[in-house]
């Protein structure tokens, strides 16, 4: 779905010469840092094949390697459906790391080598999560996993997306871990109160004391990654006020990003669906409660909708919408007949 050009609407639609008639299938791809999901769907939107392969974030691996990973996923999903690439009539790719217009050009060039027929759409993965979870053509998505991004589109079709660069916005589970480590260090320095996070992190990373913990982390012997984020919930369950403060701060920051996007798109007083996606949102608990309360206090007409389908289905939707009008008409007819 092409929109106005700009940093916060990195989107590209390219054409191949042949769309293989009025039959065929579309491909939707959701590419993240650790895994990529590929869905093959008929023109009525029904799924006929899926595959899961490794990460396909061009930011970390380069566009060419990204295309190789995606190519393997496409072949695997088509094999499940008993189909070949020549039967594809459109494709859409929602990829983490496609953050700027220049990224779209680079990634689209690499994906062109896959030789898929029909129009090809390249967007940031936040857009496909929104399309997958939202029942309307407008709304906002908060995608909070290892990292995070917030994006939205208003009733006029205008998009806005946060930069997801780590400055001026939180970074999902990594923010939880980083703020927890700040609290542990502050307690050690006696500039902050004692916290149960200290013992939980020492146990998780098998360290004897705080000095050993931070030496191990700073010298690369321990991996203080987002996988440690659940320790924050555990500390809250143990009644730790410091941990509750960290959780409240991170959840409120993520809610503030939704409010900021709503301001940009003049949706503060509008009725809209807020799609929540990513592992942190899925984990529920205190984060979800704090996040929801802060959003609704500022956007009272927002309805929170947890994403309960594959984000790649949003890419399938974009692929179907990129088809010529006569093919979309035949798709609607097929849907009514099924």
Protein backbone atom coordinates (compact mmCIF):
# COMPACT_ATOMS: atom_id res chain seq x y z
CA UNK A 1 0.00 0.00 0.00
CA UNK A 2 1.85 3.05 -1.19
CA UNK A 3 1.49 6.28 0.74
CA UNK A 4 3.06 9.74 0.72
CA UNK A 5 6.83 9.56 0.63
CA UNK A 6 8.73 10.37 3.80
CA UNK A 7 10.93 8.98 6.56
CA UNK A 8 7.98 7.76 8.61
CA UNK A 9 6.21 6.06 5.71
CA UNK A 10 8.99 3.98 4.17
CA UNK A 11 6.99 2.07 1.57
CA UNK A 12 7.75 0.80 -1.91
CA UNK A 13 5.69 -0.90 -4.61
CA UNK A 14 7.48 -2.29 -7.68
CA UNK A 15 6.05 -4.00 -10.75
CA UNK A 16 7.15 -7.10 -12.65
CA UNK A 17 5.93 -7.52 -16.22
CA UNK A 18 3.48 -10.40 -15.84
CA UNK A 19 0.86 -11.26 -13.22
CA UNK A 20 0.18 -14.75 -14.59
CA UNK A 21 -3.44 -14.17 -15.51
CA UNK A 22 -6.29 -13.96 -13.06
CA UNK A 23 -5.41 -17.08 -11.06
CA UNK A 24 -2.48 -17.69 -8.78
CA UNK A 25 -1.50 -16.83 -5.23
CA UNK A 26 0.04 -13.99 -3.25
CA UNK A 27 2.93 -14.12 -0.79
CA UNK A 28 3.17 -12.24 2.51
CA UNK A 29 6.43 -12.08 4.46
CA UNK A 30 7.06 -10.98 8.03
CA UNK A 31 10.81 -10.64 8.52
CA UNK A 32 12.27 -10.02 11.98
CA UNK A 33 15.62 -10.17 13.66
CA UNK A 34 15.36 -13.80 14.78
CA UNK A 35 12.70 -15.39 12.57
CA UNK A 36 10.81 -14.89 9.32
CA UNK A 37 7.32 -16.15 8.54
CA UNK A 38 6.15 -16.63 4.95
CA UNK A 39 2.49 -17.14 4.05
CA UNK A 40 1.11 -18.19 0.66
CA UNK A 41 -2.54 -17.27 0.19
CA UNK A 42 -5.15 -17.71 -2.50
CA UNK A 43 -6.83 -14.65 -3.99
CA UNK A 44 -9.69 -14.95 -1.49
CA UNK A 45 -7.15 -14.60 1.36
CA UNK A 46 -7.24 -18.24 2.45
CA UNK A 47 -3.86 -19.64 3.50
CA UNK A 48 -2.50 -22.48 1.38
CA UNK A 49 1.09 -22.69 2.64
CA UNK A 50 3.36 -21.37 5.38
CA UNK A 51 7.01 -21.62 6.35
CA UNK A 52 9.26 -20.29 9.10
CA UNK A 53 12.95 -19.58 8.53
CA UNK A 54 15.69 -17.54 10.21
CA UNK A 55 15.88 -13.80 10.71
CA UNK A 56 15.68 -11.41 7.76
CA UNK A 57 16.53 -7.97 9.14
CA UNK A 58 18.62 -6.19 6.47
CA UNK A 59 20.01 -3.82 9.08
CA UNK A 60 22.04 -6.55 10.73
CA UNK A 61 22.73 -8.98 7.90
CA UNK A 62 22.69 -6.94 4.70
CA UNK A 63 20.07 -6.91 1.97
CA UNK A 64 21.57 -9.73 -0.12
CA UNK A 65 21.74 -12.21 2.74
CA UNK A 66 18.24 -11.13 3.78
CA UNK A 67 16.97 -11.96 0.29
CA UNK A 68 18.60 -15.40 0.45
CA UNK A 69 16.82 -16.21 3.72
CA UNK A 70 13.48 -15.01 2.37
CA UNK A 71 14.01 -16.95 -0.85
CA UNK A 72 14.36 -20.16 1.15
CA UNK A 73 11.16 -19.40 3.04
CA UNK A 74 9.26 -18.70 -0.17
CA UNK A 75 10.36 -21.99 -1.72
CA UNK A 76 9.42 -23.89 1.45
CA UNK A 77 5.97 -22.32 1.70
CA UNK A 78 5.24 -22.84 -1.99
CA UNK A 79 6.31 -26.47 -1.64
CA UNK A 80 3.74 -26.92 1.14
CA UNK A 81 1.10 -25.58 -1.26
CA UNK A 82 2.38 -27.66 -4.19
CA UNK A 83 3.00 -24.50 -6.22
CA UNK A 84 5.85 -22.80 -8.08
CA UNK A 85 7.08 -19.20 -8.16
CA UNK A 86 5.51 -18.63 -11.55
CA UNK A 87 2.07 -18.94 -9.98
CA UNK A 88 2.65 -15.95 -7.66
CA UNK A 89 0.80 -12.80 -8.77
CA UNK A 90 1.83 -10.36 -6.00
CA UNK A 91 4.04 -10.21 -2.92
CA UNK A 92 4.47 -7.98 0.12
CA UNK A 93 7.31 -7.84 2.62
CA UNK A 94 7.06 -6.35 6.10
CA UNK A 95 10.62 -6.22 7.41
CA UNK A 96 12.25 -5.04 10.60
CA UNK A 97 15.10 -2.68 9.78
CA UNK A 98 13.33 -1.05 6.83
CA UNK A 99 13.18 2.32 8.53
CA UNK A 100 14.02 4.88 5.84
CA UNK A 101 13.14 5.50 2.20
CA UNK A 102 16.73 4.58 1.28
CA UNK A 103 16.22 1.20 2.97
CA UNK A 104 13.19 0.52 0.76
CA UNK A 105 15.24 1.14 -2.38
CA UNK A 106 18.09 -1.10 -1.21
CA UNK A 107 15.82 -3.93 -0.05
CA UNK A 108 13.56 -3.78 -3.09
CA UNK A 109 16.59 -4.07 -5.35
CA UNK A 110 17.70 -7.22 -3.53
CA UNK A 111 14.18 -8.73 -3.60
CA UNK A 112 13.91 -8.08 -7.34
CA UNK A 113 16.46 -10.86 -7.84
CA UNK A 114 13.92 -13.37 -6.48
CA UNK A 115 12.08 -13.09 -9.78
CA UNK A 116 8.58 -13.15 -8.32
CA UNK A 117 5.89 -12.08 -10.81
CA UNK A 118 3.50 -9.23 -10.11
CA UNK A 119 3.66 -6.13 -7.92
CA UNK A 120 6.06 -6.21 -4.95
CA UNK A 121 5.46 -4.12 -1.81
CA UNK A 122 8.15 -3.38 0.81
CA UNK A 123 7.24 -1.79 4.16
CA UNK A 124 8.38 -1.68 7.76
CA UNK A 125 7.04 -4.61 9.79
CA UNK A 126 4.90 -2.30 11.93
CA UNK A 127 2.62 -1.68 8.95
CA UNK A 128 1.80 -5.34 8.41
CA UNK A 129 1.13 -5.86 12.13
CA UNK A 130 -1.38 -3.01 12.00
CA UNK A 131 -3.08 -4.33 8.87
CA UNK A 132 -3.22 -7.85 10.35
CA UNK A 133 -4.82 -6.79 13.62
CA UNK A 134 -7.01 -3.82 12.71
CA UNK A 135 -10.54 -4.25 11.37
CA UNK A 136 -10.54 -0.70 9.98
CA UNK A 137 -8.30 1.07 7.48
CA UNK A 138 -7.02 3.41 10.22
CA UNK A 139 -5.49 2.76 13.64
CA UNK A 140 -2.26 2.58 15.63
CA UNK A 141 0.06 -0.34 16.42
CA UNK A 142 2.39 -0.70 19.40
CA UNK A 143 4.91 -3.45 18.60
CA UNK A 144 6.99 -4.19 21.71
CA UNK A 145 9.39 -7.13 21.64
CA UNK A 146 13.16 -7.16 21.90
CA UNK A 147 12.99 -3.68 20.41
CA UNK A 148 9.95 -1.54 19.72
CA UNK A 149 8.21 0.64 17.18
CA UNK A 150 4.91 2.54 17.19
CA UNK A 151 3.08 3.47 14.00
CA UNK A 152 -0.31 4.60 12.83
CA UNK A 153 -2.47 5.72 9.93
CA UNK A 154 -5.41 8.09 10.17
CA UNK A 155 -8.70 8.18 8.30
CA UNK A 156 -7.15 10.20 5.45
CA UNK A 157 -4.46 7.55 4.91
CA UNK A 158 -1.60 9.59 6.38
CA UNK A 159 1.05 7.45 8.12
CA UNK A 160 3.43 8.24 10.94
CA UNK A 161 5.98 5.91 12.52
CA UNK A 162 8.49 6.38 15.31
CA UNK A 163 12.13 6.14 14.25
CA UNK A 164 12.96 3.05 16.39
CA UNK A 165 16.55 4.22 16.75
CA UNK A 166 16.74 4.03 20.55
CA UNK A 167 16.79 7.80 21.05
CA UNK A 168 13.72 9.52 22.40
CA UNK A 169 11.75 6.30 22.75
CA UNK A 170 11.91 3.04 24.74
CA UNK A 171 13.21 -0.23 23.31
CA UNK A 172 10.96 -3.01 24.55
CA UNK A 173 12.47 -5.78 26.65
CA UNK A 174 15.92 -4.26 26.28
CA UNK A 175 14.69 -1.12 28.08
CA UNK A 176 13.42 -3.33 30.90
CA UNK A 177 16.82 -4.99 31.25
CA UNK A 178 18.79 -1.74 30.94
CA UNK A 179 16.66 0.03 33.55
CA UNK A 180 16.93 -2.99 35.86
CA UNK A 181 20.71 -2.91 35.58
CA UNK A 182 20.69 0.83 36.33
CA UNK A 183 18.69 0.09 39.49
CA UNK A 184 21.08 -2.68 40.55
CA UNK A 185 24.10 -0.44 40.00
CA UNK A 186 22.44 2.45 41.87
CA UNK A 187 21.77 0.19 44.85
CA UNK A 188 25.42 -0.91 44.81
CA UNK A 189 26.58 2.73 44.70
CA UNK A 190 24.14 3.63 47.52
CA UNK A 191 22.50 6.21 45.28
CA UNK A 192 19.30 4.18 45.11
CA UNK A 193 17.37 1.76 47.32
CA UNK A 194 18.10 -1.94 47.61
CA UNK A 195 16.19 -4.12 45.15
CA UNK A 196 15.32 -7.79 44.72
CA UNK A 197 16.49 -7.39 41.13
CA UNK A 198 20.05 -7.76 42.38
CA UNK A 199 19.66 -11.32 43.64
CA UNK A 200 17.54 -12.31 40.65
CA UNK A 201 20.17 -11.12 38.17
CA UNK A 202 23.00 -12.69 40.15
CA UNK A 203 21.20 -16.03 40.10
CA UNK A 204 20.23 -15.80 36.43
CA UNK A 205 23.76 -14.97 35.27
CA UNK A 206 25.43 -17.18 37.89
CA UNK A 207 27.55 -14.43 39.46
CA UNK A 208 28.67 -14.13 43.08
CA UNK A 209 28.24 -10.39 43.59
CA UNK A 210 27.45 -7.12 41.83
CA UNK A 211 31.06 -6.41 40.86
CA UNK A 212 31.36 -9.83 39.25
CA UNK A 213 28.01 -9.28 37.51
CA UNK A 214 28.99 -6.04 35.82
CA UNK A 215 32.51 -7.25 35.02
CA UNK A 216 31.00 -10.26 33.29
CA UNK A 217 28.55 -8.11 31.33
CA UNK A 218 31.00 -5.39 30.31
CA UNK A 219 33.66 -7.90 29.26
CA UNK A 220 31.22 -9.90 27.16
CA UNK A 221 31.18 -13.04 29.28
CA UNK A 222 27.50 -12.68 30.18
CA UNK A 223 24.68 -11.78 27.80
CA UNK A 224 22.39 -9.20 29.42
CA UNK A 225 19.79 -9.40 26.65
CA UNK A 226 16.05 -8.97 26.53
CA UNK A 227 15.63 -12.59 27.62
CA UNK A 228 16.17 -11.33 31.19
CA UNK A 229 13.12 -9.04 31.04
CA UNK A 230 10.82 -11.54 32.84
CA UNK A 231 12.97 -11.06 35.96
CA UNK A 232 11.36 -7.65 36.30
CA UNK A 233 7.89 -9.20 36.62
CA UNK A 234 9.29 -11.70 39.11
CA UNK A 235 10.69 -8.92 41.29
CA UNK A 236 7.34 -7.10 41.16
CA UNK A 237 5.60 -10.29 42.28
CA UNK A 238 8.00 -10.38 45.25
CA UNK A 239 6.78 -6.93 46.26
CA UNK A 240 9.86 -4.98 45.13
CA UNK A 241 9.01 -1.27 44.85
CA UNK A 242 12.07 -0.49 42.73
CA UNK A 243 11.07 -3.11 40.17
CA UNK A 244 7.52 -1.76 40.11
CA UNK A 245 8.93 1.68 39.42
CA UNK A 246 11.01 0.36 36.52
CA UNK A 247 8.04 -1.51 35.06
CA UNK A 248 5.78 1.52 35.42
CA UNK A 249 8.35 3.77 33.77
CA UNK A 250 8.89 1.50 30.75
CA UNK A 251 5.17 0.78 30.25
CA UNK A 252 4.33 4.49 30.53
CA UNK A 253 7.04 5.37 28.02
CA UNK A 254 5.59 2.92 25.50
CA UNK A 255 2.10 4.30 26.10
CA UNK A 256 3.48 7.80 25.56
CA UNK A 257 4.70 6.74 22.10
CA UNK A 258 1.12 5.78 21.19
CA UNK A 259 -0.10 9.16 22.43
CA UNK A 260 2.61 10.92 20.43
CA UNK A 261 1.65 9.10 17.23
CA UNK A 262 -2.01 9.95 17.90
CA UNK A 263 -1.06 13.63 18.22
CA UNK A 264 0.91 13.52 14.96
CA UNK A 265 -2.07 12.01 13.14
CA UNK A 266 -4.71 14.17 14.91
CA UNK A 267 -6.33 11.04 16.37
CA UNK A 268 -6.32 11.91 20.08
CA UNK A 269 -10.08 12.45 20.14
CA UNK A 270 -10.83 9.95 17.38
CA UNK A 271 -12.19 6.43 17.77
CA UNK A 272 -9.50 3.96 16.70
CA UNK A 273 -8.17 0.47 17.31
CA UNK A 274 -4.78 0.14 19.00
CA UNK A 275 -3.17 -3.13 17.95
CA UNK A 276 -0.67 -4.52 20.45
CA UNK A 277 1.97 -6.91 19.13
CA UNK A 278 5.28 -8.39 20.23
CA UNK A 279 6.43 -10.56 23.10
CA UNK A 280 6.23 -7.92 25.83
CA UNK A 281 2.58 -7.19 25.05
CA UNK A 282 1.80 -10.90 24.75
CA UNK A 283 3.27 -11.58 28.19
CA UNK A 284 0.50 -9.44 29.72
CA UNK A 285 0.80 -8.82 33.45
CA UNK A 286 1.65 -5.48 34.99
CA UNK A 287 3.09 -4.01 31.80
CA UNK A 288 -0.17 -4.42 29.91
CA UNK A 289 -2.27 -2.98 32.73
CA UNK A 290 -0.09 0.11 33.17
CA UNK A 291 0.24 0.62 29.41
CA UNK A 292 -3.52 0.37 28.82
CA UNK A 293 -4.43 2.69 31.66
CA UNK A 294 -2.08 5.43 30.45
CA UNK A 295 -3.24 5.14 26.83
CA UNK A 296 -6.95 5.26 27.67
CA UNK A 297 -6.46 8.20 30.03
CA UNK A 298 -5.15 10.22 27.07
CA UNK A 299 -6.98 8.59 24.15
CA UNK A 300 -10.36 7.75 25.71
CA UNK A 301 -11.89 6.42 22.49
CA UNK A 302 -9.07 3.97 21.76
CA UNK A 303 -9.89 0.24 21.79
CA UNK A 304 -6.95 -2.06 22.56
CA UNK A 305 -6.83 -5.09 20.26
CA UNK A 306 -4.16 -7.74 20.96
CA UNK A 307 -2.80 -9.18 17.71
CA UNK A 308 -4.03 -12.78 17.52
CA UNK A 309 -3.07 -13.69 13.94
CA UNK A 310 0.27 -13.95 12.15
CA UNK A 311 1.57 -10.47 11.26
CA UNK A 312 2.37 -11.94 7.84
CA UNK A 313 -1.38 -11.92 7.18
CA UNK A 314 -1.09 -8.14 7.09
CA UNK A 315 1.47 -8.55 4.31
CA UNK A 316 -0.97 -10.84 2.50
CA UNK A 317 -3.55 -8.03 2.69
CA UNK A 318 -1.09 -5.53 1.22
CA UNK A 319 -0.22 -7.95 -1.58
CA UNK A 320 -3.90 -8.44 -2.44
CA UNK A 321 -4.49 -4.68 -2.41
CA UNK A 322 -1.60 -4.14 -4.83
CA UNK A 323 -3.30 -6.24 -7.53
CA UNK A 324 -4.98 -4.56 -10.51
CA UNK A 325 -8.58 -3.53 -9.92
CA UNK A 326 -10.03 -6.29 -12.10
CA UNK A 327 -8.17 -8.94 -10.12
CA UNK A 328 -9.35 -7.43 -6.82
CA UNK A 329 -12.90 -7.60 -8.14
CA UNK A 330 -12.50 -11.29 -8.97
CA UNK A 331 -11.02 -11.79 -5.48
CA UNK A 332 -14.11 -10.27 -3.83
CA UNK A 333 -16.34 -12.48 -5.98
CA UNK A 334 -14.36 -15.56 -4.98
CA UNK A 335 -14.66 -14.56 -1.32
CA UNK A 336 -18.46 -14.29 -1.57
CA UNK A 337 -18.68 -17.68 -3.28
CA UNK A 338 -16.47 -19.50 -0.76
